């Protein structure tokens, strides 16, 4: 690769200007504030779920719903739906 007179490759920029450094610091500051707000919101939601125990209630509701789907109707028919597993996909009509 050809070099310029000052010894640097042609695609490598010159030293960062003061304006560029200021712009980078502003971008980092804005990104830091945004990430802090996101982390705060996620933490609040997680703490709320852990305090109320909603996650176990949801898991219980899902298990009940799955058990209800697996049970047969009095006629021997099951509800229509799509059932998936890592190995296959069953479509019931």
PDB file of N, CA and C in Angstrom:
ATOM      1  N   UNK A   1       0.847  -1.166   0.000  1.00  0.00           N
ATOM      2  CA  UNK A   1       0.000   0.000   0.000  1.00  0.00           C
ATOM      3  C   UNK A   1       0.900   1.238   0.000  1.00  0.00           C
ATOM      4  N   UNK A   2       0.602   2.153  -0.865  1.00  0.00           N
ATOM      5  CA  UNK A   2       1.413   3.361  -0.975  1.00  0.00           C
ATOM      6  C   UNK A   2       1.213   4.256   0.245  1.00  0.00           C
ATOM      7  N   UNK A   3       2.279   4.929   0.628  1.00  0.00           N
ATOM      8  CA  UNK A   3       2.212   5.812   1.795  1.00  0.00           C
ATOM      9  C   UNK A   3       2.343   7.262   1.343  1.00  0.00           C
ATOM     10  N   UNK A   4       1.732   8.125   2.121  1.00  0.00           N
ATOM     11  CA  UNK A   4       1.855   9.547   1.831  1.00  0.00           C
ATOM     12  C   UNK A   4       3.154  10.065   2.431  1.00  0.00           C
ATOM     13  N   UNK A   5       3.412  11.349   2.223  1.00  0.00           N
ATOM     14  CA  UNK A   5       4.645  11.949   2.716  1.00  0.00           C
ATOM     15  C   UNK A   5       4.801  11.845   4.226  1.00  0.00           C
ATOM     16  N   UNK A   6       3.677  11.924   4.953  1.00  0.00           N
ATOM     17  CA  UNK A   6       3.797  11.906   6.413  1.00  0.00           C
ATOM     18  C   UNK A   6       3.879  10.492   6.976  1.00  0.00           C
ATOM     19  N   UNK A   7       3.924   9.449   6.129  1.00  0.00           N
ATOM     20  CA  UNK A   7       4.160   8.086   6.574  1.00  0.00           C
ATOM     21  C   UNK A   7       2.918   7.280   6.909  1.00  0.00           C
ATOM     22  N   UNK A   8       1.757   7.818   6.672  1.00  0.00           N
ATOM     23  CA  UNK A   8       0.541   7.074   6.995  1.00  0.00           C
ATOM     24  C   UNK A   8      -0.101   6.560   5.705  1.00  0.00           C
ATOM     25  N   UNK A   9      -0.849   5.435   5.791  1.00  0.00           N
ATOM     26  CA  UNK A   9      -1.552   4.944   4.597  1.00  0.00           C
ATOM     27  C   UNK A   9      -2.599   5.967   4.135  1.00  0.00           C
ATOM     28  N   UNK A  10      -2.943   5.974   2.851  1.00  0.00           N
ATOM     29  CA  UNK A  10      -3.852   7.006   2.330  1.00  0.00           C
ATOM     30  C   UNK A  10      -5.286   6.914   2.876  1.00  0.00           C
ATOM     31  N   UNK A  11      -5.738   5.721   3.290  1.00  0.00           N
ATOM     32  CA  UNK A  11      -7.111   5.600   3.770  1.00  0.00           C
ATOM     33  C   UNK A  11      -7.242   5.951   5.247  1.00  0.00           C
ATOM     34  N   UNK A  12      -6.135   6.007   5.957  1.00  0.00           N
ATOM     35  CA  UNK A  12      -6.195   6.332   7.378  1.00  0.00           C
ATOM     36  C   UNK A  12      -6.349   7.839   7.552  1.00  0.00           C
ATOM     37  N   UNK A  13      -7.361   8.253   8.296  1.00  0.00           N
ATOM     38  CA  UNK A  13      -7.569   9.698   8.435  1.00  0.00           C
ATOM     39  C   UNK A  13      -6.476  10.356   9.281  1.00  0.00           C
ATOM     40  N   UNK A  14      -6.407  11.662   9.134  1.00  0.00           N
ATOM     41  CA  UNK A  14      -5.480  12.421   9.966  1.00  0.00           C
ATOM     42  C   UNK A  14      -5.970  12.381  11.398  1.00  0.00           C
ATOM     43  N   UNK A  15      -5.242  13.001  12.290  1.00  0.00           N
ATOM     44  CA  UNK A  15      -5.635  13.020  13.702  1.00  0.00           C
ATOM     45  C   UNK A  15      -7.045  13.600  13.825  1.00  0.00           C
ATOM     46  N   UNK A  16      -7.784  13.085  14.793  1.00  0.00           N
ATOM     47  CA  UNK A  16      -9.153  13.540  14.995  1.00  0.00           C
ATOM     48  C   UNK A  16      -9.144  15.017  15.386  1.00  0.00           C
ATOM     49  N   UNK A  17     -10.037  15.755  14.769  1.00  0.00           N
ATOM     50  CA  UNK A  17     -10.118  17.174  15.077  1.00  0.00           C
ATOM     51  C   UNK A  17     -10.839  17.369  16.413  1.00  0.00           C
ATOM     52  N   UNK A  18     -10.729  18.539  16.951  1.00  0.00           N
ATOM     53  CA  UNK A  18     -11.384  18.844  18.221  1.00  0.00           C
ATOM     54  C   UNK A  18     -12.898  18.723  18.086  1.00  0.00           C
ATOM     55  N   UNK A  19     -13.436  19.146  16.948  1.00  0.00           N
ATOM     56  CA  UNK A  19     -14.873  19.057  16.720  1.00  0.00           C
ATOM     57  C   UNK A  19     -15.321  17.597  16.699  1.00  0.00           C
ATOM     58  N   UNK A  20     -14.533  16.729  16.090  1.00  0.00           N
ATOM     59  CA  UNK A  20     -14.867  15.306  16.044  1.00  0.00           C
ATOM     60  C   UNK A  20     -14.861  14.716  17.453  1.00  0.00           C
ATOM     61  N   UNK A  21     -13.879  15.071  18.251  1.00  0.00           N
ATOM     62  CA  UNK A  21     -13.802  14.562  19.622  1.00  0.00           C
ATOM     63  C   UNK A  21     -15.011  15.011  20.439  1.00  0.00           C
ATOM     64  N   UNK A  22     -15.434  16.245  20.262  1.00  0.00           N
ATOM     65  CA  UNK A  22     -16.604  16.762  20.990  1.00  0.00           C
ATOM     66  C   UNK A  22     -17.857  16.021  20.559  1.00  0.00           C
ATOM     67  N   UNK A  23     -17.982  15.787  19.255  1.00  0.00           N
ATOM     68  CA  UNK A  23     -19.148  15.064  18.749  1.00  0.00           C
ATOM     69  C   UNK A  23     -19.201  13.642  19.306  1.00  0.00           C
ATOM     70  N   UNK A  24     -18.062  12.978  19.375  1.00  0.00           N
ATOM     71  CA  UNK A  24     -18.014  11.614  19.921  1.00  0.00           C
ATOM     72  C   UNK A  24     -18.418  11.628  21.390  1.00  0.00           C
ATOM     73  N   UNK A  25     -17.953  12.585  22.162  1.00  0.00           N
ATOM     74  CA  UNK A  25     -18.309  12.651  23.585  1.00  0.00           C
ATOM     75  C   UNK A  25     -19.798  12.914  23.769  1.00  0.00           C
ATOM     76  N   UNK A  26     -20.370  13.760  22.905  1.00  0.00           N
ATOM     77  CA  UNK A  26     -21.819  14.030  22.990  1.00  0.00           C
ATOM     78  C   UNK A  26     -22.605  12.762  22.660  1.00  0.00           C
ATOM     79  N   UNK A  27     -22.195  12.049  21.607  1.00  0.00           N
ATOM     80  CA  UNK A  27     -22.879  10.797  21.247  1.00  0.00           C
ATOM     81  C   UNK A  27     -22.802   9.793  22.380  1.00  0.00           C
ATOM     82  N   UNK A  28     -21.627   9.652  23.000  1.00  0.00           N
ATOM     83  CA  UNK A  28     -21.469   8.719  24.113  1.00  0.00           C
ATOM     84  C   UNK A  28     -22.324   9.130  25.304  1.00  0.00           C
ATOM     85  N   UNK A  29     -22.419  10.414  25.561  1.00  0.00           N
ATOM     86  CA  UNK A  29     -23.248  10.889  26.667  1.00  0.00           C
ATOM     87  C   UNK A  29     -24.718  10.580  26.440  1.00  0.00           C
ATOM     88  N   UNK A  30     -25.205  10.852  25.226  1.00  0.00           N
ATOM     89  CA  UNK A  30     -26.609  10.572  24.898  1.00  0.00           C
ATOM     90  C   UNK A  30     -26.883   9.075  24.985  1.00  0.00           C
ATOM     91  N   UNK A  31     -25.980   8.265  24.440  1.00  0.00           N
ATOM     92  CA  UNK A  31     -26.148   6.816  24.496  1.00  0.00           C
ATOM     93  C   UNK A  31     -26.136   6.323  25.948  1.00  0.00           C
ATOM     94  N   UNK A  32     -25.263   6.888  26.772  1.00  0.00           N
ATOM     95  CA  UNK A  32     -25.212   6.504  28.177  1.00  0.00           C
ATOM     96  C   UNK A  32     -26.511   6.810  28.897  1.00  0.00           C
ATOM     97  N   UNK A  33     -27.081   7.985  28.636  1.00  0.00           N
ATOM     98  CA  UNK A  33     -28.351   8.356  29.264  1.00  0.00           C
ATOM     99  C   UNK A  33     -29.462   7.417  28.800  1.00  0.00           C
ATOM    100  N   UNK A  34     -29.505   7.130  27.514  1.00  0.00           N
ATOM    101  CA  UNK A  34     -30.545   6.239  26.990  1.00  0.00           C
ATOM    102  C   UNK A  34     -30.433   4.845  27.593  1.00  0.00           C
ATOM    103  N   UNK A  35     -29.218   4.317  27.690  1.00  0.00           N
ATOM    104  CA  UNK A  35     -29.029   2.980  28.252  1.00  0.00           C
ATOM    105  C   UNK A  35     -29.396   2.956  29.739  1.00  0.00           C
ATOM    106  N   UNK A  36     -29.123   4.045  30.447  1.00  0.00           N
ATOM    107  CA  UNK A  36     -29.496   4.124  31.857  1.00  0.00           C
ATOM    108  C   UNK A  36     -31.006   4.090  32.015  1.00  0.00           C
ATOM    109  N   UNK A  37     -31.726   4.822  31.182  1.00  0.00           N
ATOM    110  CA  UNK A  37     -33.188   4.844  31.261  1.00  0.00           C
ATOM    111  C   UNK A  37     -33.750   3.455  30.942  1.00  0.00           C
ATOM    112  N   UNK A  38     -33.230   2.803  29.920  1.00  0.00           N
ATOM    113  CA  UNK A  38     -33.712   1.468  29.564  1.00  0.00           C
ATOM    114  C   UNK A  38     -33.451   0.492  30.702  1.00  0.00           C
ATOM    115  N   UNK A  39     -32.264   0.534  31.285  1.00  0.00           N
ATOM    116  CA  UNK A  39     -31.944  -0.380  32.390  1.00  0.00           C
ATOM    117  C   UNK A  39     -32.849  -0.115  33.589  1.00  0.00           C
ATOM    118  N   UNK A  40     -33.160   1.156  33.857  1.00  0.00           N
ATOM    119  CA  UNK A  40     -34.023   1.507  34.986  1.00  0.00           C
ATOM    120  C   UNK A  40     -35.438   0.960  34.773  1.00  0.00           C
ATOM    121  N   UNK A  41     -35.964   1.116  33.556  1.00  0.00           N
ATOM    122  CA  UNK A  41     -37.317   0.621  33.258  1.00  0.00           C
ATOM    123  C   UNK A  41     -37.361  -0.898  33.360  1.00  0.00           C
ATOM    124  N   UNK A  42     -36.373  -1.571  32.808  1.00  0.00           N
ATOM    125  CA  UNK A  42     -36.348  -3.035  32.857  1.00  0.00           C
ATOM    126  C   UNK A  42     -36.244  -3.508  34.299  1.00  0.00           C
ATOM    127  N   UNK A  43     -35.413  -2.860  35.083  1.00  0.00           N
ATOM    128  CA  UNK A  43     -35.268  -3.251  36.486  1.00  0.00           C
ATOM    129  C   UNK A  43     -36.577  -3.062  37.243  1.00  0.00           C
ATOM    130  N   UNK A  44     -37.271  -1.958  37.016  1.00  0.00           N
ATOM    131  CA  UNK A  44     -38.548  -1.727  37.703  1.00  0.00           C
ATOM    132  C   UNK A  44     -39.560  -2.802  37.351  1.00  0.00           C
ATOM    133  N   UNK A  45     -39.652  -3.137  36.061  1.00  0.00           N
ATOM    134  CA  UNK A  45     -40.616  -4.165  35.643  1.00  0.00           C
ATOM    135  C   UNK A  45     -40.254  -5.524  36.230  1.00  0.00           C
ATOM    136  N   UNK A  46     -38.966  -5.845  36.240  1.00  0.00           N
ATOM    137  CA  UNK A  46     -38.529  -7.120  36.797  1.00  0.00           C
ATOM    138  C   UNK A  46     -38.820  -7.188  38.287  1.00  0.00           C
ATOM    139  N   UNK A  47     -38.542  -6.118  39.019  1.00  0.00           N
ATOM    140  CA  UNK A  47     -38.805  -6.109  40.460  1.00  0.00           C
ATOM    141  C   UNK A  47     -40.300  -6.223  40.737  1.00  0.00           C
ATOM    142  N   UNK A  48     -41.128  -5.576  39.921  1.00  0.00           N
ATOM    143  CA  UNK A  48     -42.572  -5.658  40.100  1.00  0.00           C
ATOM    144  C   UNK A  48     -43.062  -7.091  39.897  1.00  0.00           C
ATOM    145  N   UNK A  49     -42.541  -7.765  38.876  1.00  0.00           N
ATOM    146  CA  UNK A  49     -42.945  -9.145  38.610  1.00  0.00           C
ATOM    147  C   UNK A  49     -42.488 -10.046  39.752  1.00  0.00           C
ATOM    148  N   UNK A  50     -41.279  -9.834  40.230  1.00  0.00           N
ATOM    149  CA  UNK A  50     -40.773 -10.679  41.312  1.00  0.00           C
ATOM    150  C   UNK A  50     -41.542 -10.459  42.607  1.00  0.00           C
ATOM    151  N   UNK A  51     -41.954  -9.225  42.880  1.00  0.00           N
ATOM    152  CA  UNK A  51     -42.698  -8.942  44.107  1.00  0.00           C
ATOM    153  C   UNK A  51     -44.107  -9.530  44.060  1.00  0.00           C
ATOM    154  N   UNK A  52     -44.786  -9.413  42.923  1.00  0.00           N
ATOM    155  CA  UNK A  52     -46.172  -9.867  42.833  1.00  0.00           C
ATOM    156  C   UNK A  52     -46.281 -11.347  42.498  1.00  0.00           C
ATOM    157  N   UNK A  53     -45.229 -11.932  41.976  1.00  0.00           N
ATOM    158  CA  UNK A  53     -45.279 -13.340  41.628  1.00  0.00           C
ATOM    159  C   UNK A  53     -46.049 -13.617  40.361  1.00  0.00           C
ATOM    160  N   UNK A  54     -46.179 -12.644  39.483  1.00  0.00           N
ATOM    161  CA  UNK A  54     -46.927 -12.818  38.237  1.00  0.00           C
ATOM    162  C   UNK A  54     -46.325 -13.901  37.356  1.00  0.00           C
ATOM    163  N   UNK A  55     -45.018 -14.060  37.401  1.00  0.00           N
ATOM    164  CA  UNK A  55     -44.393 -15.027  36.498  1.00  0.00           C
ATOM    165  C   UNK A  55     -44.866 -16.436  36.798  1.00  0.00           C
ATOM    166  N   UNK A  56     -45.024 -16.794  38.081  1.00  0.00           N
ATOM    167  CA  UNK A  56     -45.495 -18.144  38.397  1.00  0.00           C
ATOM    168  C   UNK A  56     -46.978 -18.289  38.038  1.00  0.00           C
ATOM    169  N   UNK A  57     -47.754 -17.221  38.199  1.00  0.00           N
ATOM    170  CA  UNK A  57     -49.166 -17.275  37.820  1.00  0.00           C
ATOM    171  C   UNK A  57     -49.305 -17.494  36.326  1.00  0.00           C
ATOM    172  N   UNK A  58     -48.489 -16.801  35.558  1.00  0.00           N
ATOM    173  CA  UNK A  58     -48.555 -16.962  34.103  1.00  0.00           C
ATOM    174  C   UNK A  58     -48.151 -18.368  33.695  1.00  0.00           C
ATOM    175  N   UNK A  59     -47.125 -18.899  34.330  1.00  0.00           N
ATOM    176  CA  UNK A  59     -46.697 -20.260  34.006  1.00  0.00           C
ATOM    177  C   UNK A  59     -47.802 -21.255  34.349  1.00  0.00           C
ATOM    178  N   UNK A  60     -48.482 -21.046  35.488  1.00  0.00           N
ATOM    179  CA  UNK A  60     -49.569 -21.932  35.881  1.00  0.00           C
ATOM    180  C   UNK A  60     -50.729 -21.836  34.892  1.00  0.00           C
ATOM    181  N   UNK A  61     -51.073 -20.615  34.470  1.00  0.00           N
ATOM    182  CA  UNK A  61     -52.147 -20.435  33.504  1.00  0.00           C
ATOM    183  C   UNK A  61     -51.804 -21.111  32.176  1.00  0.00           C
ATOM    184  N   UNK A  62     -50.548 -20.994  31.755  1.00  0.00           N
ATOM    185  CA  UNK A  62     -50.136 -21.627  30.500  1.00  0.00           C
ATOM    186  C   UNK A  62     -50.228 -23.149  30.627  1.00  0.00           C
ATOM    187  N   UNK A  63     -49.803 -23.684  31.766  1.00  0.00           N
ATOM    188  CA  UNK A  63     -49.876 -25.142  31.955  1.00  0.00           C
ATOM    189  C   UNK A  63     -51.329 -25.615  31.951  1.00  0.00           C
ATOM    190  N   UNK A  64     -52.229 -24.847  32.578  1.00  0.00           N
ATOM    191  CA  UNK A  64     -53.641 -25.216  32.573  1.00  0.00           C
ATOM    192  C   UNK A  64     -54.217 -25.168  31.167  1.00  0.00           C
ATOM    193  N   UNK A  65     -53.841 -24.146  30.420  1.00  0.00           N
ATOM    194  CA  UNK A  65     -54.330 -24.002  29.054  1.00  0.00           C
ATOM    195  C   UNK A  65     -53.843 -25.174  28.195  1.00  0.00           C
ATOM    196  N   UNK A  66     -52.573 -25.551  28.355  1.00  0.00           N
ATOM    197  CA  UNK A  66     -52.036 -26.678  27.590  1.00  0.00           C
ATOM    198  C   UNK A  66     -52.720 -27.987  27.983  1.00  0.00           C
ATOM    199  N   UNK A  67     -52.987 -28.154  29.274  1.00  0.00           N
ATOM    200  CA  UNK A  67     -53.656 -29.375  29.722  1.00  0.00           C
ATOM    201  C   UNK A  67     -55.075 -29.440  29.172  1.00  0.00           C
ATOM    202  N   UNK A  68     -55.764 -28.299  29.127  1.00  0.00           N
ATOM    203  CA  UNK A  68     -57.117 -28.238  28.591  1.00  0.00           C
ATOM    204  C   UNK A  68     -57.120 -28.596  27.102  1.00  0.00           C
ATOM    205  N   UNK A  69     -56.113 -28.160  26.383  1.00  0.00           N
ATOM    206  CA  UNK A  69     -56.036 -28.477  24.952  1.00  0.00           C
ATOM    207  C   UNK A  69     -55.806 -29.963  24.728  1.00  0.00           C
ATOM    208  N   UNK A  70     -55.015 -30.577  25.616  1.00  0.00           N
ATOM    209  CA  UNK A  70     -54.700 -31.996  25.447  1.00  0.00           C
ATOM    210  C   UNK A  70     -55.889 -32.894  25.778  1.00  0.00           C
ATOM    211  N   UNK A  71     -56.781 -32.421  26.646  1.00  0.00           N
ATOM    212  CA  UNK A  71     -57.947 -33.231  27.007  1.00  0.00           C
ATOM    213  C   UNK A  71     -58.910 -33.325  25.827  1.00  0.00           C
ATOM    214  N   UNK A  72     -59.581 -34.413  25.736  1.00  0.00           N
ATOM    215  CA  UNK A  72     -60.550 -34.595  24.649  1.00  0.00           C
ATOM    216  C   UNK A  72     -61.910 -34.073  25.067  1.00  0.00           C
ATOM    217  N   UNK A  73     -62.718 -33.710  24.074  1.00  0.00           N
ATOM    218  CA  UNK A  73     -64.112 -33.335  24.309  1.00  0.00           C
ATOM    219  C   UNK A  73     -64.911 -34.593  24.615  1.00  0.00           C
ATOM    220  N   UNK A  74     -66.165 -34.442  25.109  1.00  0.00           N
ATOM    221  CA  UNK A  74     -67.003 -35.632  25.339  1.00  0.00           C
ATOM    222  C   UNK A  74     -67.213 -36.466  24.075  1.00  0.00           C
ATOM    223  N   UNK A  75     -67.186 -35.822  22.925  1.00  0.00           N
ATOM    224  CA  UNK A  75     -67.379 -36.542  21.659  1.00  0.00           C
ATOM    225  C   UNK A  75     -66.102 -37.245  21.204  1.00  0.00           C
ATOM    226  N   UNK A  76     -65.011 -37.021  21.894  1.00  0.00           N
ATOM    227  CA  UNK A  76     -63.745 -37.619  21.482  1.00  0.00           C
ATOM    228  C   UNK A  76     -62.947 -36.722  20.559  1.00  0.00           C
ATOM    229  N   UNK A  77     -63.482 -35.541  20.259  1.00  0.00           N
ATOM    230  CA  UNK A  77     -62.781 -34.610  19.382  1.00  0.00           C
ATOM    231  C   UNK A  77     -61.952 -33.642  20.215  1.00  0.00           C
ATOM    232  N   UNK A  78     -60.837 -33.266  19.673  1.00  0.00           N
ATOM    233  CA  UNK A  78     -60.025 -32.243  20.331  1.00  0.00           C
ATOM    234  C   UNK A  78     -60.264 -30.913  19.631  1.00  0.00           C
ATOM    235  N   UNK A  79     -59.881 -29.835  20.308  1.00  0.00           N
ATOM    236  CA  UNK A  79     -60.030 -28.517  19.704  1.00  0.00           C
ATOM    237  C   UNK A  79     -59.094 -28.397  18.509  1.00  0.00           C
ATOM    238  N   UNK A  80     -59.518 -27.610  17.532  1.00  0.00           N
ATOM    239  CA  UNK A  80     -58.668 -27.376  16.373  1.00  0.00           C
ATOM    240  C   UNK A  80     -57.517 -26.467  16.790  1.00  0.00           C
ATOM    241  N   UNK A  81     -56.384 -26.676  16.201  1.00  0.00           N
ATOM    242  CA  UNK A  81     -55.248 -25.818  16.511  1.00  0.00           C
ATOM    243  C   UNK A  81     -53.974 -26.335  15.893  1.00  0.00           C
ATOM    244  N   UNK A  82     -52.911 -25.651  16.191  1.00  0.00           N
ATOM    245  CA  UNK A  82     -51.594 -26.021  15.697  1.00  0.00           C
ATOM    246  C   UNK A  82     -50.743 -26.392  16.893  1.00  0.00           C
ATOM    247  N   UNK A  83     -50.114 -27.528  16.831  1.00  0.00           N
ATOM    248  CA  UNK A  83     -49.262 -27.997  17.913  1.00  0.00           C
ATOM    249  C   UNK A  83     -47.854 -28.167  17.334  1.00  0.00           C
ATOM    250  N   UNK A  84     -46.849 -27.596  18.009  1.00  0.00           N
ATOM    251  CA  UNK A  84     -45.493 -27.677  17.491  1.00  0.00           C
ATOM    252  C   UNK A  84     -44.572 -28.304  18.523  1.00  0.00           C
ATOM    253  N   UNK A  85     -43.530 -28.909  18.038  1.00  0.00           N
ATOM    254  CA  UNK A  85     -42.446 -29.419  18.860  1.00  0.00           C
ATOM    255  C   UNK A  85     -41.174 -29.242  18.043  1.00  0.00           C
ATOM    256  N   UNK A  86     -40.017 -29.434  18.650  1.00  0.00           N
ATOM    257  CA  UNK A  86     -38.786 -29.263  17.856  1.00  0.00           C
ATOM    258  C   UNK A  86     -38.698 -30.202  16.655  1.00  0.00           C
ATOM    259  N   UNK A  87     -39.420 -31.342  16.722  1.00  0.00           N
ATOM    260  CA  UNK A  87     -39.300 -32.321  15.647  1.00  0.00           C
ATOM    261  C   UNK A  87     -40.372 -32.209  14.581  1.00  0.00           C
ATOM    262  N   UNK A  88     -41.581 -31.776  14.957  1.00  0.00           N
ATOM    263  CA  UNK A  88     -42.668 -31.791  13.978  1.00  0.00           C
ATOM    264  C   UNK A  88     -43.698 -30.698  14.283  1.00  0.00           C
ATOM    265  N   UNK A  89     -44.571 -30.463  13.315  1.00  0.00           N
ATOM    266  CA  UNK A  89     -45.661 -29.509  13.433  1.00  0.00           C
ATOM    267  C   UNK A  89     -46.946 -30.245  13.090  1.00  0.00           C
ATOM    268  N   UNK A  90     -47.913 -30.243  14.010  1.00  0.00           N
ATOM    269  CA  UNK A  90     -49.207 -30.877  13.786  1.00  0.00           C
ATOM    270  C   UNK A  90     -50.274 -29.816  13.634  1.00  0.00           C
ATOM    271  N   UNK A  91     -51.055 -29.891  12.568  1.00  0.00           N
ATOM    272  CA  UNK A  91     -52.180 -28.983  12.362  1.00  0.00           C
ATOM    273  C   UNK A  91     -53.441 -29.813  12.489  1.00  0.00           C
ATOM    274  N   UNK A  92     -54.277 -29.468  13.487  1.00  0.00           N
ATOM    275  CA  UNK A  92     -55.503 -30.218  13.730  1.00  0.00           C
ATOM    276  C   UNK A  92     -56.694 -29.354  13.335  1.00  0.00           C
ATOM    277  N   UNK A  93     -57.586 -29.944  12.568  1.00  0.00           N
ATOM    278  CA  UNK A  93     -58.779 -29.216  12.126  1.00  0.00           C
ATOM    279  C   UNK A  93     -60.014 -29.929  12.599  1.00  0.00           C
TER     280      UNK A  93
END
